[in-house]
């Protein structure tokens, strides 16, 4: 199975997630979210495929999220505006993001990832 693993290499959670993928022998293509941030179109696709609330794709604990006061601003934005906002900076996106044929999951929760790797 081939997966896309979108990460920030300096992130300790991303490092744990990458190790987990390797231990479970999941073949994946890695992508540095800061170097190659997701596009609005990718984010729309991932969000729709995930079945999750769009807020799950925001890195709510990140400095940039807090600096931009997004907690207060997000409810006022349309879904398209949220995709566009996420696409402006990879640091706004919850990471890692695992993208497989079975689905998409932002953040690292091994029990959810088990479902995605079948």
N, C-alpha and C. Protein backbone atom coordinates (compact mmCIF):
# COMPACT_ATOMS: atom_id res chain seq x y z
N UNK A 1 0.83 -1.19 0.00
CA UNK A 1 0.00 0.00 0.00
C UNK A 1 0.87 1.25 0.00
N UNK A 2 0.56 2.17 -0.85
CA UNK A 2 1.32 3.42 -0.93
C UNK A 2 0.52 4.54 -0.31
N UNK A 3 1.15 5.30 0.55
CA UNK A 3 0.49 6.40 1.24
C UNK A 3 1.29 7.68 1.03
N UNK A 4 0.63 8.80 1.22
CA UNK A 4 1.30 10.09 1.24
C UNK A 4 1.37 10.52 2.70
N UNK A 5 2.57 10.84 3.14
CA UNK A 5 2.81 11.24 4.53
C UNK A 5 3.28 12.69 4.50
N UNK A 6 2.38 13.59 4.89
CA UNK A 6 2.69 15.01 4.88
C UNK A 6 3.12 15.40 6.28
N UNK A 7 4.35 15.91 6.40
CA UNK A 7 4.94 16.12 7.72
C UNK A 7 5.75 17.41 7.79
N UNK A 8 6.05 17.79 9.03
CA UNK A 8 7.05 18.82 9.30
C UNK A 8 8.17 18.05 10.00
N UNK A 9 9.30 17.83 9.32
CA UNK A 9 10.34 16.95 9.85
C UNK A 9 10.83 17.25 11.26
N UNK A 10 10.75 18.51 11.71
CA UNK A 10 11.22 18.85 13.05
C UNK A 10 10.19 18.54 14.14
N UNK A 11 8.99 18.19 13.74
CA UNK A 11 7.89 17.92 14.67
C UNK A 11 8.06 16.53 15.29
N UNK A 12 8.06 16.47 16.63
CA UNK A 12 8.26 15.18 17.31
C UNK A 12 7.11 14.21 17.04
N UNK A 13 5.90 14.71 16.91
CA UNK A 13 4.77 13.83 16.61
C UNK A 13 4.92 13.24 15.21
N UNK A 14 5.40 14.05 14.27
CA UNK A 14 5.63 13.57 12.91
C UNK A 14 6.71 12.49 12.91
N UNK A 15 7.74 12.68 13.72
CA UNK A 15 8.81 11.69 13.81
C UNK A 15 8.28 10.37 14.36
N UNK A 16 7.43 10.44 15.38
CA UNK A 16 6.81 9.23 15.94
C UNK A 16 5.94 8.54 14.90
N UNK A 17 5.18 9.35 14.17
CA UNK A 17 4.28 8.81 13.15
C UNK A 17 5.06 8.12 12.03
N UNK A 18 6.16 8.74 11.62
CA UNK A 18 6.99 8.14 10.57
C UNK A 18 7.55 6.80 11.04
N UNK A 19 8.00 6.76 12.27
CA UNK A 19 8.52 5.51 12.84
C UNK A 19 7.42 4.45 12.86
N UNK A 20 6.22 4.84 13.24
CA UNK A 20 5.08 3.92 13.28
C UNK A 20 4.82 3.34 11.89
N UNK A 21 4.83 4.21 10.87
CA UNK A 21 4.61 3.74 9.50
C UNK A 21 5.69 2.73 9.09
N UNK A 22 6.94 3.03 9.44
CA UNK A 22 8.03 2.12 9.09
C UNK A 22 7.88 0.79 9.82
N UNK A 23 7.50 0.84 11.10
CA UNK A 23 7.31 -0.39 11.88
C UNK A 23 6.16 -1.24 11.33
N UNK A 24 5.16 -0.58 10.74
CA UNK A 24 4.02 -1.30 10.17
C UNK A 24 4.21 -1.58 8.68
N UNK A 25 5.43 -1.35 8.21
CA UNK A 25 5.83 -1.62 6.83
C UNK A 25 4.88 -1.01 5.80
N UNK A 26 4.51 0.24 6.08
CA UNK A 26 3.67 0.99 5.15
C UNK A 26 4.59 1.77 4.21
N UNK A 27 4.43 1.52 2.93
CA UNK A 27 5.20 2.29 1.96
C UNK A 27 4.56 3.66 1.83
N UNK A 28 5.40 4.68 1.87
CA UNK A 28 4.85 6.04 1.79
C UNK A 28 5.82 6.97 1.10
N UNK A 29 5.25 8.02 0.57
CA UNK A 29 6.02 9.12 0.02
C UNK A 29 5.93 10.25 1.04
N UNK A 30 7.07 10.73 1.48
CA UNK A 30 7.09 11.82 2.44
C UNK A 30 7.06 13.17 1.74
N UNK A 31 6.47 14.12 2.42
CA UNK A 31 6.39 15.48 1.86
C UNK A 31 6.49 16.48 3.01
N UNK A 32 7.44 17.38 2.90
CA UNK A 32 7.66 18.41 3.91
C UNK A 32 6.61 19.51 3.71
N UNK A 33 5.75 19.67 4.70
CA UNK A 33 4.63 20.60 4.60
C UNK A 33 5.06 22.06 4.50
N UNK A 34 6.26 22.35 4.98
CA UNK A 34 6.76 23.73 4.91
C UNK A 34 7.33 24.02 3.52
N UNK A 35 7.99 23.02 2.94
CA UNK A 35 8.60 23.17 1.61
C UNK A 35 7.57 23.07 0.49
N UNK A 36 6.61 22.17 0.65
CA UNK A 36 5.60 21.93 -0.39
C UNK A 36 4.23 21.88 0.28
N UNK A 37 3.71 23.06 0.57
CA UNK A 37 2.45 23.11 1.31
C UNK A 37 1.28 22.65 0.43
N UNK A 38 0.26 22.10 1.08
CA UNK A 38 -0.91 21.63 0.32
C UNK A 38 -1.64 22.79 -0.36
N UNK A 39 -2.20 22.51 -1.52
CA UNK A 39 -2.98 23.51 -2.23
C UNK A 39 -4.42 23.51 -1.71
N UNK A 40 -5.15 24.54 -2.04
CA UNK A 40 -6.58 24.60 -1.66
C UNK A 40 -7.32 23.38 -2.20
N UNK A 41 -6.99 22.99 -3.44
CA UNK A 41 -7.66 21.86 -4.07
C UNK A 41 -7.36 20.56 -3.32
N UNK A 42 -6.09 20.36 -2.95
CA UNK A 42 -5.74 19.16 -2.19
C UNK A 42 -6.47 19.15 -0.85
N UNK A 43 -6.47 20.30 -0.18
CA UNK A 43 -7.12 20.38 1.12
C UNK A 43 -8.61 20.09 1.01
N UNK A 44 -9.26 20.59 -0.03
CA UNK A 44 -10.68 20.33 -0.25
C UNK A 44 -10.88 18.81 -0.42
N UNK A 45 -10.07 18.20 -1.26
CA UNK A 45 -10.17 16.76 -1.51
C UNK A 45 -9.93 15.97 -0.22
N UNK A 46 -8.88 16.31 0.50
CA UNK A 46 -8.56 15.59 1.74
C UNK A 46 -9.68 15.73 2.75
N UNK A 47 -10.18 16.95 2.89
CA UNK A 47 -11.26 17.20 3.85
C UNK A 47 -12.49 16.37 3.50
N UNK A 48 -12.88 16.39 2.23
CA UNK A 48 -14.07 15.64 1.80
C UNK A 48 -13.87 14.14 2.01
N UNK A 49 -12.70 13.66 1.71
CA UNK A 49 -12.42 12.22 1.86
C UNK A 49 -12.32 11.80 3.32
N UNK A 50 -11.95 12.73 4.18
CA UNK A 50 -11.76 12.38 5.59
C UNK A 50 -13.08 12.21 6.33
N UNK A 51 -14.10 12.97 5.92
CA UNK A 51 -15.36 12.94 6.65
C UNK A 51 -15.31 13.69 7.97
N UNK A 52 -14.21 14.40 8.22
CA UNK A 52 -14.03 15.13 9.47
C UNK A 52 -14.43 16.59 9.32
N UNK A 53 -14.62 17.24 10.45
CA UNK A 53 -14.87 18.69 10.46
C UNK A 53 -13.59 19.38 9.96
N UNK A 54 -13.75 20.44 9.19
CA UNK A 54 -12.59 21.16 8.65
C UNK A 54 -11.67 21.66 9.77
N UNK A 55 -12.22 21.94 10.94
CA UNK A 55 -11.39 22.44 12.03
C UNK A 55 -10.30 21.43 12.41
N UNK A 56 -10.56 20.16 12.17
CA UNK A 56 -9.55 19.12 12.47
C UNK A 56 -8.29 19.28 11.62
N UNK A 57 -8.39 20.02 10.54
CA UNK A 57 -7.23 20.23 9.67
C UNK A 57 -6.39 21.43 10.09
N UNK A 58 -6.87 22.18 11.06
CA UNK A 58 -6.11 23.33 11.55
C UNK A 58 -5.23 22.93 12.73
N UNK A 59 -4.01 23.44 12.73
CA UNK A 59 -3.07 23.22 13.83
C UNK A 59 -3.41 24.22 14.95
N UNK A 60 -4.42 23.89 15.74
CA UNK A 60 -4.95 24.82 16.73
C UNK A 60 -3.97 25.11 17.87
N UNK A 61 -2.95 24.29 18.02
CA UNK A 61 -1.96 24.54 19.07
C UNK A 61 -0.74 25.29 18.55
N UNK A 62 -0.74 25.60 17.26
CA UNK A 62 0.41 26.27 16.66
C UNK A 62 0.47 27.75 16.95
N UNK A 63 1.69 28.28 16.93
CA UNK A 63 1.89 29.71 17.19
C UNK A 63 1.19 30.58 16.16
N UNK A 64 1.27 30.20 14.89
CA UNK A 64 0.67 31.00 13.83
C UNK A 64 -0.85 31.07 13.99
N UNK A 65 -1.47 29.96 14.34
CA UNK A 65 -2.92 29.91 14.57
C UNK A 65 -3.30 30.91 15.66
N UNK A 66 -2.50 30.91 16.73
CA UNK A 66 -2.78 31.80 17.86
C UNK A 66 -2.50 33.26 17.50
N UNK A 67 -1.39 33.50 16.80
CA UNK A 67 -1.04 34.87 16.40
C UNK A 67 -2.12 35.48 15.50
N UNK A 68 -2.69 34.64 14.64
CA UNK A 68 -3.71 35.12 13.71
C UNK A 68 -5.10 35.18 14.36
N UNK A 69 -5.18 34.77 15.63
CA UNK A 69 -6.46 34.76 16.37
C UNK A 69 -7.55 34.01 15.60
N UNK A 70 -7.16 32.84 15.07
CA UNK A 70 -8.09 32.09 14.24
C UNK A 70 -9.23 31.45 15.03
N UNK A 71 -9.02 31.26 16.31
CA UNK A 71 -10.10 30.70 17.14
C UNK A 71 -11.35 31.55 16.99
N UNK A 72 -11.17 32.86 16.95
CA UNK A 72 -12.29 33.78 16.84
C UNK A 72 -12.72 34.02 15.39
N UNK A 73 -11.77 33.93 14.47
CA UNK A 73 -12.06 34.26 13.07
C UNK A 73 -12.66 33.10 12.27
N UNK A 74 -12.27 31.87 12.59
CA UNK A 74 -12.71 30.72 11.78
C UNK A 74 -14.22 30.60 11.61
N UNK A 75 -15.00 30.77 12.68
CA UNK A 75 -16.46 30.60 12.51
C UNK A 75 -17.06 31.55 11.47
N UNK A 76 -16.41 32.67 11.21
CA UNK A 76 -16.93 33.66 10.27
C UNK A 76 -16.56 33.36 8.82
N UNK A 77 -15.60 32.46 8.60
CA UNK A 77 -15.11 32.18 7.26
C UNK A 77 -15.94 31.09 6.57
N UNK A 78 -16.07 31.21 5.26
CA UNK A 78 -16.71 30.15 4.49
C UNK A 78 -15.74 28.97 4.38
N UNK A 79 -16.26 27.84 3.94
CA UNK A 79 -15.42 26.66 3.77
C UNK A 79 -14.31 26.93 2.76
N UNK A 80 -14.64 27.58 1.65
CA UNK A 80 -13.63 27.91 0.63
C UNK A 80 -12.55 28.82 1.20
N UNK A 81 -12.95 29.78 2.03
CA UNK A 81 -11.97 30.68 2.66
C UNK A 81 -11.06 29.91 3.61
N UNK A 82 -11.60 28.90 4.26
CA UNK A 82 -10.78 28.08 5.17
C UNK A 82 -9.75 27.27 4.38
N UNK A 83 -10.17 26.70 3.24
CA UNK A 83 -9.21 25.98 2.39
C UNK A 83 -8.09 26.92 1.94
N UNK A 84 -8.49 28.09 1.48
CA UNK A 84 -7.51 29.07 0.99
C UNK A 84 -6.57 29.51 2.12
N UNK A 85 -7.10 29.70 3.30
CA UNK A 85 -6.28 30.10 4.45
C UNK A 85 -5.28 29.00 4.80
N UNK A 86 -5.75 27.77 4.87
CA UNK A 86 -4.85 26.64 5.17
C UNK A 86 -3.72 26.54 4.13
N UNK A 87 -4.04 26.84 2.89
CA UNK A 87 -3.06 26.72 1.81
C UNK A 87 -1.99 27.81 1.85
N UNK A 88 -2.20 28.87 2.65
CA UNK A 88 -1.22 29.96 2.68
C UNK A 88 0.05 29.60 3.42
N UNK A 89 -0.04 28.67 4.39
CA UNK A 89 1.12 28.34 5.21
C UNK A 89 0.96 26.93 5.79
N UNK A 90 1.92 26.07 5.49
CA UNK A 90 1.87 24.70 5.99
C UNK A 90 1.82 24.59 7.51
N UNK A 91 2.27 25.63 8.20
CA UNK A 91 2.27 25.60 9.65
C UNK A 91 0.86 25.74 10.24
N UNK A 92 -0.10 26.13 9.41
CA UNK A 92 -1.49 26.20 9.86
C UNK A 92 -2.18 24.84 9.84
N UNK A 93 -1.59 23.90 9.10
CA UNK A 93 -2.20 22.59 8.90
C UNK A 93 -1.79 21.62 10.01
N UNK A 94 -2.78 20.92 10.55
CA UNK A 94 -2.53 19.88 11.56
C UNK A 94 -1.68 18.81 10.89
N UNK A 95 -0.67 18.39 11.57
CA UNK A 95 0.23 17.39 10.98
C UNK A 95 0.61 16.34 12.01
N UNK A 96 1.04 15.23 11.49
CA UNK A 96 1.15 14.85 10.09
C UNK A 96 -0.24 14.60 9.48
N UNK A 97 -0.26 14.51 8.17
CA UNK A 97 -1.48 14.11 7.46
C UNK A 97 -1.14 12.83 6.71
N UNK A 98 -1.95 11.80 6.93
CA UNK A 98 -1.78 10.55 6.21
C UNK A 98 -2.88 10.45 5.17
N UNK A 99 -2.47 10.28 3.91
CA UNK A 99 -3.42 10.20 2.81
C UNK A 99 -3.26 8.82 2.16
N UNK A 100 -4.34 8.04 2.19
CA UNK A 100 -4.33 6.71 1.58
C UNK A 100 -5.57 6.55 0.71
N UNK A 101 -5.64 5.41 0.01
CA UNK A 101 -6.85 5.14 -0.78
C UNK A 101 -8.06 4.97 0.13
N UNK A 102 -7.83 4.51 1.37
CA UNK A 102 -8.93 4.29 2.31
C UNK A 102 -9.44 5.58 2.93
N UNK A 103 -8.63 6.64 2.93
CA UNK A 103 -9.08 7.89 3.52
C UNK A 103 -7.93 8.81 3.88
N UNK A 104 -8.26 9.82 4.65
CA UNK A 104 -7.30 10.86 5.02
C UNK A 104 -7.48 11.14 6.51
N UNK A 105 -6.33 11.28 7.22
CA UNK A 105 -6.43 11.60 8.64
C UNK A 105 -5.35 12.60 9.03
N UNK A 106 -5.77 13.78 9.54
CA UNK A 106 -4.80 14.75 10.05
C UNK A 106 -4.49 14.46 11.52
N UNK A 107 -3.23 14.57 11.87
CA UNK A 107 -2.82 14.25 13.24
C UNK A 107 -2.43 12.79 13.32
N UNK A 108 -1.78 12.42 14.41
CA UNK A 108 -1.33 11.03 14.56
C UNK A 108 -2.09 10.35 15.68
N UNK A 109 -2.98 9.47 15.29
CA UNK A 109 -3.71 8.61 16.22
C UNK A 109 -3.59 7.20 15.67
N UNK A 110 -2.71 6.39 16.27
CA UNK A 110 -2.46 5.04 15.73
C UNK A 110 -3.73 4.23 15.47
N UNK A 111 -4.73 4.34 16.35
CA UNK A 111 -5.96 3.55 16.16
C UNK A 111 -6.70 3.97 14.89
N UNK A 112 -6.63 5.25 14.54
CA UNK A 112 -7.25 5.72 13.30
C UNK A 112 -6.41 5.31 12.09
N UNK A 113 -5.11 5.40 12.25
CA UNK A 113 -4.22 5.04 11.14
C UNK A 113 -4.33 3.57 10.80
N UNK A 114 -4.58 2.72 11.81
CA UNK A 114 -4.76 1.28 11.56
C UNK A 114 -5.86 1.07 10.52
N UNK A 115 -6.93 1.85 10.63
CA UNK A 115 -8.06 1.73 9.69
C UNK A 115 -7.63 2.16 8.29
N UNK A 116 -6.75 3.16 8.21
CA UNK A 116 -6.35 3.69 6.91
C UNK A 116 -5.37 2.81 6.17
N UNK A 117 -4.68 1.95 6.91
CA UNK A 117 -3.72 1.09 6.22
C UNK A 117 -4.30 -0.29 5.96
N UNK A 118 -5.54 -0.49 6.41
CA UNK A 118 -6.27 -1.72 6.10
C UNK A 118 -5.63 -2.92 6.73
